């Protein structure tokens, strides 16, 4: 797989001196497959955005999803530690009752 180096500026919050609306930008360099760069370029062109904008949006989206997932897992582990769990059988019984009350009995 061929890789091509690209450079972009990503957002980083500077909590010390920057105001809430200002963000300090820091340059980051990394390599991605040529095919991925081509996809970024095509999307940037189609949306009339810059390559940097598309990459920043993709990174922000990825981070948001994965940060949410990690927080959810950590909360679930805390729930287990504090015995805040429901048995699988209980959940299955609840759903069986709900299905029994539906109009479509073939489900």
PDB file of N, CA and C in Angstrom:
ATOM      1  N   UNK A   1       0.856  -1.177   0.000  1.00  0.00           N
ATOM      2  CA  UNK A   1       0.000   0.000   0.000  1.00  0.00           C
ATOM      3  C   UNK A   1       0.901   1.239   0.000  1.00  0.00           C
ATOM      4  N   UNK A   2       0.640   2.165  -0.871  1.00  0.00           N
ATOM      5  CA  UNK A   2       1.448   3.378  -0.959  1.00  0.00           C
ATOM      6  C   UNK A   2       0.907   4.425   0.001  1.00  0.00           C
ATOM      7  N   UNK A   3       1.830   5.140   0.623  1.00  0.00           N
ATOM      8  CA  UNK A   3       1.454   6.196   1.546  1.00  0.00           C
ATOM      9  C   UNK A   3       2.026   7.509   1.046  1.00  0.00           C
ATOM     10  N   UNK A   4       1.324   8.556   1.317  1.00  0.00           N
ATOM     11  CA  UNK A   4       1.796   9.880   0.938  1.00  0.00           C
ATOM     12  C   UNK A   4       1.651  10.777   2.150  1.00  0.00           C
ATOM     13  N   UNK A   5       2.673  11.517   2.451  1.00  0.00           N
ATOM     14  CA  UNK A   5       2.632  12.373   3.622  1.00  0.00           C
ATOM     15  C   UNK A   5       1.801  13.613   3.337  1.00  0.00           C
ATOM     16  N   UNK A   6       0.954  13.963   4.272  1.00  0.00           N
ATOM     17  CA  UNK A   6       0.209  15.211   4.179  1.00  0.00           C
ATOM     18  C   UNK A   6       0.366  15.950   5.478  1.00  0.00           C
ATOM     19  N   UNK A   7       0.189  17.230   5.442  1.00  0.00           N
ATOM     20  CA  UNK A   7       0.272  18.056   6.631  1.00  0.00           C
ATOM     21  C   UNK A   7      -1.065  18.744   6.823  1.00  0.00           C
ATOM     22  N   UNK A   8      -1.444  18.880   8.061  1.00  0.00           N
ATOM     23  CA  UNK A   8      -2.664  19.591   8.360  1.00  0.00           C
ATOM     24  C   UNK A   8      -2.531  20.259   9.702  1.00  0.00           C
ATOM     25  N   UNK A   9      -3.423  21.164   9.937  1.00  0.00           N
ATOM     26  CA  UNK A   9      -3.470  21.832  11.221  1.00  0.00           C
ATOM     27  C   UNK A   9      -4.705  21.341  11.938  1.00  0.00           C
ATOM     28  N   UNK A  10      -4.514  20.859  13.162  1.00  0.00           N
ATOM     29  CA  UNK A  10      -5.662  20.402  13.931  1.00  0.00           C
ATOM     30  C   UNK A  10      -5.895  21.348  15.086  1.00  0.00           C
ATOM     31  N   UNK A  11      -7.130  21.333  15.582  1.00  0.00           N
ATOM     32  CA  UNK A  11      -7.480  22.219  16.666  1.00  0.00           C
ATOM     33  C   UNK A  11      -7.000  21.652  17.995  1.00  0.00           C
ATOM     34  N   UNK A  12      -6.507  22.516  18.852  1.00  0.00           N
ATOM     35  CA  UNK A  12      -6.107  22.137  20.200  1.00  0.00           C
ATOM     36  C   UNK A  12      -6.505  23.286  21.090  1.00  0.00           C
ATOM     37  N   UNK A  13      -7.188  22.981  22.154  1.00  0.00           N
ATOM     38  CA  UNK A  13      -7.588  24.030  23.075  1.00  0.00           C
ATOM     39  C   UNK A  13      -6.395  24.419  23.939  1.00  0.00           C
ATOM     40  N   UNK A  14      -6.135  25.686  24.046  1.00  0.00           N
ATOM     41  CA  UNK A  14      -5.119  26.203  24.944  1.00  0.00           C
ATOM     42  C   UNK A  14      -5.872  26.815  26.113  1.00  0.00           C
ATOM     43  N   UNK A  15      -6.007  26.060  27.176  1.00  0.00           N
ATOM     44  CA  UNK A  15      -6.831  26.480  28.298  1.00  0.00           C
ATOM     45  C   UNK A  15      -6.182  27.618  29.096  1.00  0.00           C
ATOM     46  N   UNK A  16      -4.898  27.824  28.918  1.00  0.00           N
ATOM     47  CA  UNK A  16      -4.219  28.844  29.702  1.00  0.00           C
ATOM     48  C   UNK A  16      -4.471  30.256  29.212  1.00  0.00           C
ATOM     49  N   UNK A  17      -4.214  30.545  27.946  1.00  0.00           N
ATOM     50  CA  UNK A  17      -4.266  31.918  27.469  1.00  0.00           C
ATOM     51  C   UNK A  17      -5.384  32.191  26.477  1.00  0.00           C
ATOM     52  N   UNK A  18      -5.878  31.167  25.822  1.00  0.00           N
ATOM     53  CA  UNK A  18      -6.893  31.394  24.791  1.00  0.00           C
ATOM     54  C   UNK A  18      -8.259  31.596  25.427  1.00  0.00           C
ATOM     55  N   UNK A  19      -9.034  32.473  24.825  1.00  0.00           N
ATOM     56  CA  UNK A  19     -10.394  32.659  25.301  1.00  0.00           C
ATOM     57  C   UNK A  19     -11.224  31.457  24.866  1.00  0.00           C
ATOM     58  N   UNK A  20     -12.454  31.397  25.322  1.00  0.00           N
ATOM     59  CA  UNK A  20     -13.307  30.245  25.033  1.00  0.00           C
ATOM     60  C   UNK A  20     -13.535  30.066  23.534  1.00  0.00           C
ATOM     61  N   UNK A  21     -13.635  31.148  22.785  1.00  0.00           N
ATOM     62  CA  UNK A  21     -13.938  31.052  21.353  1.00  0.00           C
ATOM     63  C   UNK A  21     -12.700  30.941  20.480  1.00  0.00           C
ATOM     64  N   UNK A  22     -11.535  31.239  21.015  1.00  0.00           N
ATOM     65  CA  UNK A  22     -10.314  31.161  20.223  1.00  0.00           C
ATOM     66  C   UNK A  22      -9.654  29.811  20.449  1.00  0.00           C
ATOM     67  N   UNK A  23      -9.117  29.271  19.385  1.00  0.00           N
ATOM     68  CA  UNK A  23      -8.414  28.007  19.492  1.00  0.00           C
ATOM     69  C   UNK A  23      -7.027  28.169  18.914  1.00  0.00           C
ATOM     70  N   UNK A  24      -6.056  27.639  19.625  1.00  0.00           N
ATOM     71  CA  UNK A  24      -4.696  27.636  19.129  1.00  0.00           C
ATOM     72  C   UNK A  24      -4.573  26.452  18.182  1.00  0.00           C
ATOM     73  N   UNK A  25      -3.941  26.676  17.065  1.00  0.00           N
ATOM     74  CA  UNK A  25      -3.798  25.603  16.084  1.00  0.00           C
ATOM     75  C   UNK A  25      -2.356  25.121  16.107  1.00  0.00           C
ATOM     76  N   UNK A  26      -2.211  23.827  15.946  1.00  0.00           N
ATOM     77  CA  UNK A  26      -0.896  23.211  15.969  1.00  0.00           C
ATOM     78  C   UNK A  26      -0.764  22.319  14.748  1.00  0.00           C
ATOM     79  N   UNK A  27       0.365  22.398  14.090  1.00  0.00           N
ATOM     80  CA  UNK A  27       0.564  21.590  12.898  1.00  0.00           C
ATOM     81  C   UNK A  27       0.941  20.168  13.285  1.00  0.00           C
ATOM     82  N   UNK A  28       0.342  19.206  12.572  1.00  0.00           N
ATOM     83  CA  UNK A  28       0.607  17.790  12.790  1.00  0.00           C
ATOM     84  C   UNK A  28       0.895  17.177  11.432  1.00  0.00           C
ATOM     85  N   UNK A  29       1.821  16.257  11.388  1.00  0.00           N
ATOM     86  CA  UNK A  29       2.160  15.597  10.133  1.00  0.00           C
ATOM     87  C   UNK A  29       2.006  14.089  10.319  1.00  0.00           C
ATOM     88  N   UNK A  30       1.381  13.438   9.354  1.00  0.00           N
ATOM     89  CA  UNK A  30       1.238  11.988   9.398  1.00  0.00           C
ATOM     90  C   UNK A  30       1.062  11.460   7.985  1.00  0.00           C
ATOM     91  N   UNK A  31       1.158  10.156   7.855  1.00  0.00           N
ATOM     92  CA  UNK A  31       1.010   9.536   6.540  1.00  0.00           C
ATOM     93  C   UNK A  31      -0.295   8.761   6.490  1.00  0.00           C
ATOM     94  N   UNK A  32      -0.932   8.834   5.315  1.00  0.00           N
ATOM     95  CA  UNK A  32      -2.151   8.066   5.077  1.00  0.00           C
ATOM     96  C   UNK A  32      -2.020   7.389   3.716  1.00  0.00           C
ATOM     97  N   UNK A  33      -2.800   6.323   3.493  1.00  0.00           N
ATOM     98  CA  UNK A  33      -2.758   5.686   2.174  1.00  0.00           C
ATOM     99  C   UNK A  33      -3.179   6.678   1.086  1.00  0.00           C
ATOM    100  N   UNK A  34      -2.599   6.532  -0.072  1.00  0.00           N
ATOM    101  CA  UNK A  34      -2.911   7.408  -1.205  1.00  0.00           C
ATOM    102  C   UNK A  34      -4.410   7.372  -1.502  1.00  0.00           C
ATOM    103  N   UNK A  35      -5.016   6.195  -1.410  1.00  0.00           N
ATOM    104  CA  UNK A  35      -6.443   6.085  -1.709  1.00  0.00           C
ATOM    105  C   UNK A  35      -7.287   6.897  -0.721  1.00  0.00           C
ATOM    106  N   UNK A  36      -6.858   6.955   0.525  1.00  0.00           N
ATOM    107  CA  UNK A  36      -7.579   7.747   1.528  1.00  0.00           C
ATOM    108  C   UNK A  36      -7.437   9.229   1.217  1.00  0.00           C
ATOM    109  N   UNK A  37      -6.244   9.644   0.846  1.00  0.00           N
ATOM    110  CA  UNK A  37      -6.036  11.051   0.478  1.00  0.00           C
ATOM    111  C   UNK A  37      -6.903  11.426  -0.715  1.00  0.00           C
ATOM    112  N   UNK A  38      -7.006  10.527  -1.678  1.00  0.00           N
ATOM    113  CA  UNK A  38      -7.843  10.795  -2.844  1.00  0.00           C
ATOM    114  C   UNK A  38      -9.313  10.944  -2.436  1.00  0.00           C
ATOM    115  N   UNK A  39      -9.760  10.113  -1.520  1.00  0.00           N
ATOM    116  CA  UNK A  39     -11.143  10.218  -1.037  1.00  0.00           C
ATOM    117  C   UNK A  39     -11.365  11.546  -0.330  1.00  0.00           C
ATOM    118  N   UNK A  40     -10.388  11.958   0.475  1.00  0.00           N
ATOM    119  CA  UNK A  40     -10.487  13.247   1.167  1.00  0.00           C
ATOM    120  C   UNK A  40     -10.570  14.366   0.139  1.00  0.00           C
ATOM    121  N   UNK A  41      -9.694  14.318  -0.853  1.00  0.00           N
ATOM    122  CA  UNK A  41      -9.684  15.364  -1.879  1.00  0.00           C
ATOM    123  C   UNK A  41     -11.006  15.418  -2.653  1.00  0.00           C
ATOM    124  N   UNK A  42     -11.558  14.255  -3.002  1.00  0.00           N
ATOM    125  CA  UNK A  42     -12.835  14.222  -3.719  1.00  0.00           C
ATOM    126  C   UNK A  42     -13.960  14.790  -2.868  1.00  0.00           C
ATOM    127  N   UNK A  43     -13.971  14.440  -1.582  1.00  0.00           N
ATOM    128  CA  UNK A  43     -15.010  14.966  -0.702  1.00  0.00           C
ATOM    129  C   UNK A  43     -14.849  16.469  -0.504  1.00  0.00           C
ATOM    130  N   UNK A  44     -13.614  16.917  -0.355  1.00  0.00           N
ATOM    131  CA  UNK A  44     -13.363  18.352  -0.199  1.00  0.00           C
ATOM    132  C   UNK A  44     -13.849  19.110  -1.432  1.00  0.00           C
ATOM    133  N   UNK A  45     -13.561  18.585  -2.587  1.00  0.00           N
ATOM    134  CA  UNK A  45     -13.989  19.229  -3.829  1.00  0.00           C
ATOM    135  C   UNK A  45     -15.517  19.231  -3.950  1.00  0.00           C
ATOM    136  N   UNK A  46     -16.140  18.096  -3.644  1.00  0.00           N
ATOM    137  CA  UNK A  46     -17.591  17.987  -3.781  1.00  0.00           C
ATOM    138  C   UNK A  46     -18.331  18.893  -2.808  1.00  0.00           C
ATOM    139  N   UNK A  47     -17.743  19.109  -1.634  1.00  0.00           N
ATOM    140  CA  UNK A  47     -18.398  19.940  -0.617  1.00  0.00           C
ATOM    141  C   UNK A  47     -17.877  21.371  -0.601  1.00  0.00           C
ATOM    142  N   UNK A  48     -16.949  21.643  -1.509  1.00  0.00           N
ATOM    143  CA  UNK A  48     -16.326  22.971  -1.593  1.00  0.00           C
ATOM    144  C   UNK A  48     -15.706  23.387  -0.262  1.00  0.00           C
ATOM    145  N   UNK A  49     -15.036  22.442   0.351  1.00  0.00           N
ATOM    146  CA  UNK A  49     -14.318  22.670   1.607  1.00  0.00           C
ATOM    147  C   UNK A  49     -12.847  22.381   1.374  1.00  0.00           C
ATOM    148  N   UNK A  50     -12.036  22.774   2.317  1.00  0.00           N
ATOM    149  CA  UNK A  50     -10.607  22.486   2.193  1.00  0.00           C
ATOM    150  C   UNK A  50     -10.328  21.059   2.657  1.00  0.00           C
ATOM    151  N   UNK A  51      -9.199  20.547   2.218  1.00  0.00           N
ATOM    152  CA  UNK A  51      -8.758  19.230   2.671  1.00  0.00           C
ATOM    153  C   UNK A  51      -8.628  19.238   4.188  1.00  0.00           C
ATOM    154  N   UNK A  52      -8.072  20.300   4.733  1.00  0.00           N
ATOM    155  CA  UNK A  52      -7.901  20.407   6.183  1.00  0.00           C
ATOM    156  C   UNK A  52      -9.244  20.330   6.894  1.00  0.00           C
ATOM    157  N   UNK A  53     -10.248  21.024   6.369  1.00  0.00           N
ATOM    158  CA  UNK A  53     -11.574  20.994   6.986  1.00  0.00           C
ATOM    159  C   UNK A  53     -12.119  19.570   7.031  1.00  0.00           C
ATOM    160  N   UNK A  54     -12.023  18.848   5.914  1.00  0.00           N
ATOM    161  CA  UNK A  54     -12.547  17.484   5.838  1.00  0.00           C
ATOM    162  C   UNK A  54     -11.825  16.581   6.838  1.00  0.00           C
ATOM    163  N   UNK A  55     -10.514  16.695   6.910  1.00  0.00           N
ATOM    164  CA  UNK A  55      -9.741  15.858   7.834  1.00  0.00           C
ATOM    165  C   UNK A  55     -10.058  16.216   9.286  1.00  0.00           C
ATOM    166  N   UNK A  56     -10.166  17.506   9.590  1.00  0.00           N
ATOM    167  CA  UNK A  56     -10.519  17.919  10.948  1.00  0.00           C
ATOM    168  C   UNK A  56     -11.883  17.372  11.350  1.00  0.00           C
ATOM    169  N   UNK A  57     -12.850  17.464  10.437  1.00  0.00           N
ATOM    170  CA  UNK A  57     -14.190  16.957  10.724  1.00  0.00           C
ATOM    171  C   UNK A  57     -14.163  15.448  10.968  1.00  0.00           C
ATOM    172  N   UNK A  58     -13.399  14.735  10.163  1.00  0.00           N
ATOM    173  CA  UNK A  58     -13.306  13.281  10.319  1.00  0.00           C
ATOM    174  C   UNK A  58     -12.682  12.922  11.669  1.00  0.00           C
ATOM    175  N   UNK A  59     -11.630  13.634  12.047  1.00  0.00           N
ATOM    176  CA  UNK A  59     -10.974  13.375  13.328  1.00  0.00           C
ATOM    177  C   UNK A  59     -11.913  13.706  14.480  1.00  0.00           C
ATOM    178  N   UNK A  60     -12.583  14.844  14.407  1.00  0.00           N
ATOM    179  CA  UNK A  60     -13.525  15.234  15.469  1.00  0.00           C
ATOM    180  C   UNK A  60     -14.633  14.194  15.614  1.00  0.00           C
ATOM    181  N   UNK A  61     -15.169  13.726  14.491  1.00  0.00           N
ATOM    182  CA  UNK A  61     -16.237  12.715  14.518  1.00  0.00           C
ATOM    183  C   UNK A  61     -15.725  11.422  15.159  1.00  0.00           C
ATOM    184  N   UNK A  62     -14.558  10.972  14.736  1.00  0.00           N
ATOM    185  CA  UNK A  62     -13.959   9.756  15.276  1.00  0.00           C
ATOM    186  C   UNK A  62     -13.740   9.880  16.780  1.00  0.00           C
ATOM    187  N   UNK A  63     -13.181  10.998  17.203  1.00  0.00           N
ATOM    188  CA  UNK A  63     -12.926  11.200  18.628  1.00  0.00           C
ATOM    189  C   UNK A  63     -14.221  11.232  19.429  1.00  0.00           C
ATOM    190  N   UNK A  64     -15.220  11.927  18.933  1.00  0.00           N
ATOM    191  CA  UNK A  64     -16.498  12.014  19.646  1.00  0.00           C
ATOM    192  C   UNK A  64     -17.109  10.641  19.859  1.00  0.00           C
ATOM    193  N   UNK A  65     -17.143   9.844  18.818  1.00  0.00           N
ATOM    194  CA  UNK A  65     -17.732   8.508  18.921  1.00  0.00           C
ATOM    195  C   UNK A  65     -16.944   7.637  19.888  1.00  0.00           C
ATOM    196  N   UNK A  66     -15.645   7.629  19.749  1.00  0.00           N
ATOM    197  CA  UNK A  66     -14.830   6.751  20.578  1.00  0.00           C
ATOM    198  C   UNK A  66     -14.738   7.227  22.021  1.00  0.00           C
ATOM    199  N   UNK A  67     -14.746   8.530  22.246  1.00  0.00           N
ATOM    200  CA  UNK A  67     -14.780   9.036  23.616  1.00  0.00           C
ATOM    201  C   UNK A  67     -16.093   8.659  24.284  1.00  0.00           C
ATOM    202  N   UNK A  68     -17.203   8.767  23.546  1.00  0.00           N
ATOM    203  CA  UNK A  68     -18.502   8.366  24.084  1.00  0.00           C
ATOM    204  C   UNK A  68     -18.488   6.877  24.427  1.00  0.00           C
ATOM    205  N   UNK A  69     -17.934   6.060  23.551  1.00  0.00           N
ATOM    206  CA  UNK A  69     -17.904   4.625  23.781  1.00  0.00           C
ATOM    207  C   UNK A  69     -17.088   4.284  25.023  1.00  0.00           C
ATOM    208  N   UNK A  70     -15.935   4.892  25.183  1.00  0.00           N
ATOM    209  CA  UNK A  70     -15.095   4.630  26.353  1.00  0.00           C
ATOM    210  C   UNK A  70     -15.814   5.068  27.631  1.00  0.00           C
ATOM    211  N   UNK A  71     -16.442   6.258  27.602  1.00  0.00           N
ATOM    212  CA  UNK A  71     -17.191   6.717  28.783  1.00  0.00           C
ATOM    213  C   UNK A  71     -18.319   5.749  29.128  1.00  0.00           C
ATOM    214  N   UNK A  72     -19.013   5.258  28.119  1.00  0.00           N
ATOM    215  CA  UNK A  72     -20.123   4.331  28.348  1.00  0.00           C
ATOM    216  C   UNK A  72     -19.637   3.016  28.941  1.00  0.00           C
ATOM    217  N   UNK A  73     -18.538   2.510  28.438  1.00  0.00           N
ATOM    218  CA  UNK A  73     -17.968   1.276  28.978  1.00  0.00           C
ATOM    219  C   UNK A  73     -17.540   1.486  30.426  1.00  0.00           C
ATOM    220  N   UNK A  74     -16.860   2.599  30.693  1.00  0.00           N
ATOM    221  CA  UNK A  74     -16.434   2.892  32.057  1.00  0.00           C
ATOM    222  C   UNK A  74     -17.627   3.012  32.993  1.00  0.00           C
ATOM    223  N   UNK A  75     -18.708   3.662  32.542  1.00  0.00           N
ATOM    224  CA  UNK A  75     -19.905   3.779  33.367  1.00  0.00           C
ATOM    225  C   UNK A  75     -20.528   2.413  33.596  1.00  0.00           C
ATOM    226  N   UNK A  76     -20.545   1.581  32.573  1.00  0.00           N
ATOM    227  CA  UNK A  76     -21.073   0.225  32.720  1.00  0.00           C
ATOM    228  C   UNK A  76     -20.285  -0.588  33.729  1.00  0.00           C
ATOM    229  N   UNK A  77     -18.963  -0.440  33.706  1.00  0.00           N
ATOM    230  CA  UNK A  77     -18.130  -1.145  34.681  1.00  0.00           C
ATOM    231  C   UNK A  77     -18.393  -0.643  36.097  1.00  0.00           C
ATOM    232  N   UNK A  78     -18.616   0.664  36.250  1.00  0.00           N
ATOM    233  CA  UNK A  78     -18.970   1.206  37.565  1.00  0.00           C
ATOM    234  C   UNK A  78     -20.305   0.649  38.026  1.00  0.00           C
ATOM    235  N   UNK A  79     -21.264   0.547  37.097  1.00  0.00           N
ATOM    236  CA  UNK A  79     -22.568  -0.021  37.432  1.00  0.00           C
ATOM    237  C   UNK A  79     -22.427  -1.458  37.930  1.00  0.00           C
ATOM    238  N   UNK A  80     -21.579  -2.224  37.264  1.00  0.00           N
ATOM    239  CA  UNK A  80     -21.346  -3.605  37.696  1.00  0.00           C
ATOM    240  C   UNK A  80     -20.730  -3.622  39.092  1.00  0.00           C
ATOM    241  N   UNK A  81     -19.730  -2.754  39.310  1.00  0.00           N
ATOM    242  CA  UNK A  81     -19.077  -2.685  40.624  1.00  0.00           C
ATOM    243  C   UNK A  81     -20.059  -2.345  41.733  1.00  0.00           C
ATOM    244  N   UNK A  82     -21.079  -1.533  41.418  1.00  0.00           N
ATOM    245  CA  UNK A  82     -22.066  -1.108  42.413  1.00  0.00           C
ATOM    246  C   UNK A  82     -23.342  -1.962  42.354  1.00  0.00           C
ATOM    247  N   UNK A  83     -23.251  -3.096  41.664  1.00  0.00           N
ATOM    248  CA  UNK A  83     -24.360  -4.043  41.560  1.00  0.00           C
ATOM    249  C   UNK A  83     -25.624  -3.413  40.981  1.00  0.00           C
ATOM    250  N   UNK A  84     -25.442  -2.508  40.026  1.00  0.00           N
ATOM    251  CA  UNK A  84     -26.574  -1.898  39.322  1.00  0.00           C
ATOM    252  C   UNK A  84     -26.728  -2.587  37.973  1.00  0.00           C
ATOM    253  N   UNK A  85     -27.168  -3.845  38.026  1.00  0.00           N
ATOM    254  CA  UNK A  85     -27.303  -4.637  36.809  1.00  0.00           C
ATOM    255  C   UNK A  85     -28.669  -5.308  36.785  1.00  0.00           C
ATOM    256  N   UNK A  86     -29.072  -5.718  35.594  1.00  0.00           N
ATOM    257  CA  UNK A  86     -30.336  -6.436  35.415  1.00  0.00           C
ATOM    258  C   UNK A  86     -29.997  -7.736  34.708  1.00  0.00           C
ATOM    259  N   UNK A  87     -30.564  -8.817  35.184  1.00  0.00           N
ATOM    260  CA  UNK A  87     -30.305 -10.128  34.595  1.00  0.00           C
ATOM    261  C   UNK A  87     -30.840 -10.188  33.168  1.00  0.00           C
ATOM    262  N   UNK A  88     -30.132 -10.887  32.310  1.00  0.00           N
ATOM    263  CA  UNK A  88     -30.526 -11.053  30.913  1.00  0.00           C
ATOM    264  C   UNK A  88     -31.932 -11.629  30.809  1.00  0.00           C
ATOM    265  N   UNK A  89     -32.251 -12.592  31.656  1.00  0.00           N
ATOM    266  CA  UNK A  89     -33.572 -13.228  31.632  1.00  0.00           C
ATOM    267  C   UNK A  89     -34.677 -12.216  31.900  1.00  0.00           C
ATOM    268  N   UNK A  90     -34.441 -11.281  32.788  1.00  0.00           N
ATOM    269  CA  UNK A  90     -35.437 -10.248  33.093  1.00  0.00           C
ATOM    270  C   UNK A  90     -35.721  -9.386  31.873  1.00  0.00           C
ATOM    271  N   UNK A  91     -34.682  -9.010  31.181  1.00  0.00           N
ATOM    272  CA  UNK A  91     -34.837  -8.190  29.973  1.00  0.00           C
ATOM    273  C   UNK A  91     -35.586  -8.980  28.906  1.00  0.00           C
ATOM    274  N   UNK A  92     -35.213 -10.241  28.734  1.00  0.00           N
ATOM    275  CA  UNK A  92     -35.899 -11.071  27.738  1.00  0.00           C
ATOM    276  C   UNK A  92     -37.385 -11.194  28.066  1.00  0.00           C
ATOM    277  N   UNK A  93     -37.728 -11.374  29.334  1.00  0.00           N
ATOM    278  CA  UNK A  93     -39.135 -11.468  29.739  1.00  0.00           C
ATOM    279  C   UNK A  93     -39.892 -10.178  29.444  1.00  0.00           C
ATOM    280  N   UNK A  94     -39.258  -9.051  29.712  1.00  0.00           N
ATOM    281  CA  UNK A  94     -39.895  -7.751  29.427  1.00  0.00           C
ATOM    282  C   UNK A  94     -40.193  -7.637  27.941  1.00  0.00           C
ATOM    283  N   UNK A  95     -39.231  -7.992  27.089  1.00  0.00           N
ATOM    284  CA  UNK A  95     -39.428  -7.877  25.641  1.00  0.00           C
ATOM    285  C   UNK A  95     -40.438  -8.891  25.126  1.00  0.00           C
ATOM    286  N   UNK A  96     -40.462 -10.070  25.722  1.00  0.00           N
ATOM    287  CA  UNK A  96     -41.469 -11.058  25.312  1.00  0.00           C
ATOM    288  C   UNK A  96     -42.874 -10.543  25.626  1.00  0.00           C
ATOM    289  N   UNK A  97     -43.034  -9.891  26.772  1.00  0.00           N
ATOM    290  CA  UNK A  97     -44.329  -9.309  27.129  1.00  0.00           C
ATOM    291  C   UNK A  97     -44.708  -8.197  26.165  1.00  0.00           C
ATOM    292  N   UNK A  98     -43.731  -7.373  25.803  1.00  0.00           N
ATOM    293  CA  UNK A  98     -44.006  -6.296  24.852  1.00  0.00           C
ATOM    294  C   UNK A  98     -44.406  -6.862  23.496  1.00  0.00           C
ATOM    295  N   UNK A  99     -43.723  -7.894  23.050  1.00  0.00           N
ATOM    296  CA  UNK A  99     -44.053  -8.505  21.762  1.00  0.00           C
ATOM    297  C   UNK A  99     -45.435  -9.145  21.792  1.00  0.00           C
ATOM    298  N   UNK A 100     -45.805  -9.703  22.927  1.00  0.00           N
ATOM    299  CA  UNK A 100     -47.125 -10.326  23.038  1.00  0.00           C
ATOM    300  C   UNK A 100     -48.242  -9.306  22.895  1.00  0.00           C
ATOM    301  N   UNK A 101     -47.953  -8.056  23.243  1.00  0.00           N
ATOM    302  CA  UNK A 101     -48.949  -6.993  23.158  1.00  0.00           C
ATOM    303  C   UNK A 101     -48.979  -6.284  21.811  1.00  0.00           C
ATOM    304  N   UNK A 102     -48.129  -6.709  20.879  1.00  0.00           N
ATOM    305  CA  UNK A 102     -48.097  -6.021  19.582  1.00  0.00           C
ATOM    306  C   UNK A 102     -49.211  -6.510  18.678  1.00  0.00           C
ATOM    307  N   UNK A 103     -49.489  -5.717  17.687  1.00  0.00           N
ATOM    308  CA  UNK A 103     -50.518  -6.069  16.711  1.00  0.00           C
ATOM    309  C   UNK A 103     -50.032  -7.213  15.834  1.00  0.00           C
ATOM    310  N   UNK A 104     -48.770  -7.181  15.459  1.00  0.00           N
ATOM    311  CA  UNK A 104     -48.191  -8.195  14.582  1.00  0.00           C
ATOM    312  C   UNK A 104     -47.761  -9.397  15.424  1.00  0.00           C
ATOM    313  N   UNK A 105     -48.588 -10.387  15.511  1.00  0.00           N
ATOM    314  CA  UNK A 105     -48.329 -11.567  16.358  1.00  0.00           C
ATOM    315  C   UNK A 105     -47.302 -12.518  15.721  1.00  0.00           C
ATOM    316  N   UNK A 106     -46.924 -12.279  14.473  1.00  0.00           N
ATOM    317  CA  UNK A 106     -45.976 -13.164  13.799  1.00  0.00           C
ATOM    318  C   UNK A 106     -44.524 -12.856  14.152  1.00  0.00           C
ATOM    319  N   UNK A 107     -44.289 -11.862  14.899  1.00  0.00           N
ATOM    320  CA  UNK A 107     -42.916 -11.482  15.254  1.00  0.00           C
ATOM    321  C   UNK A 107     -42.303 -12.433  16.208  1.00  0.00           C
TER     322      UNK A 107
END
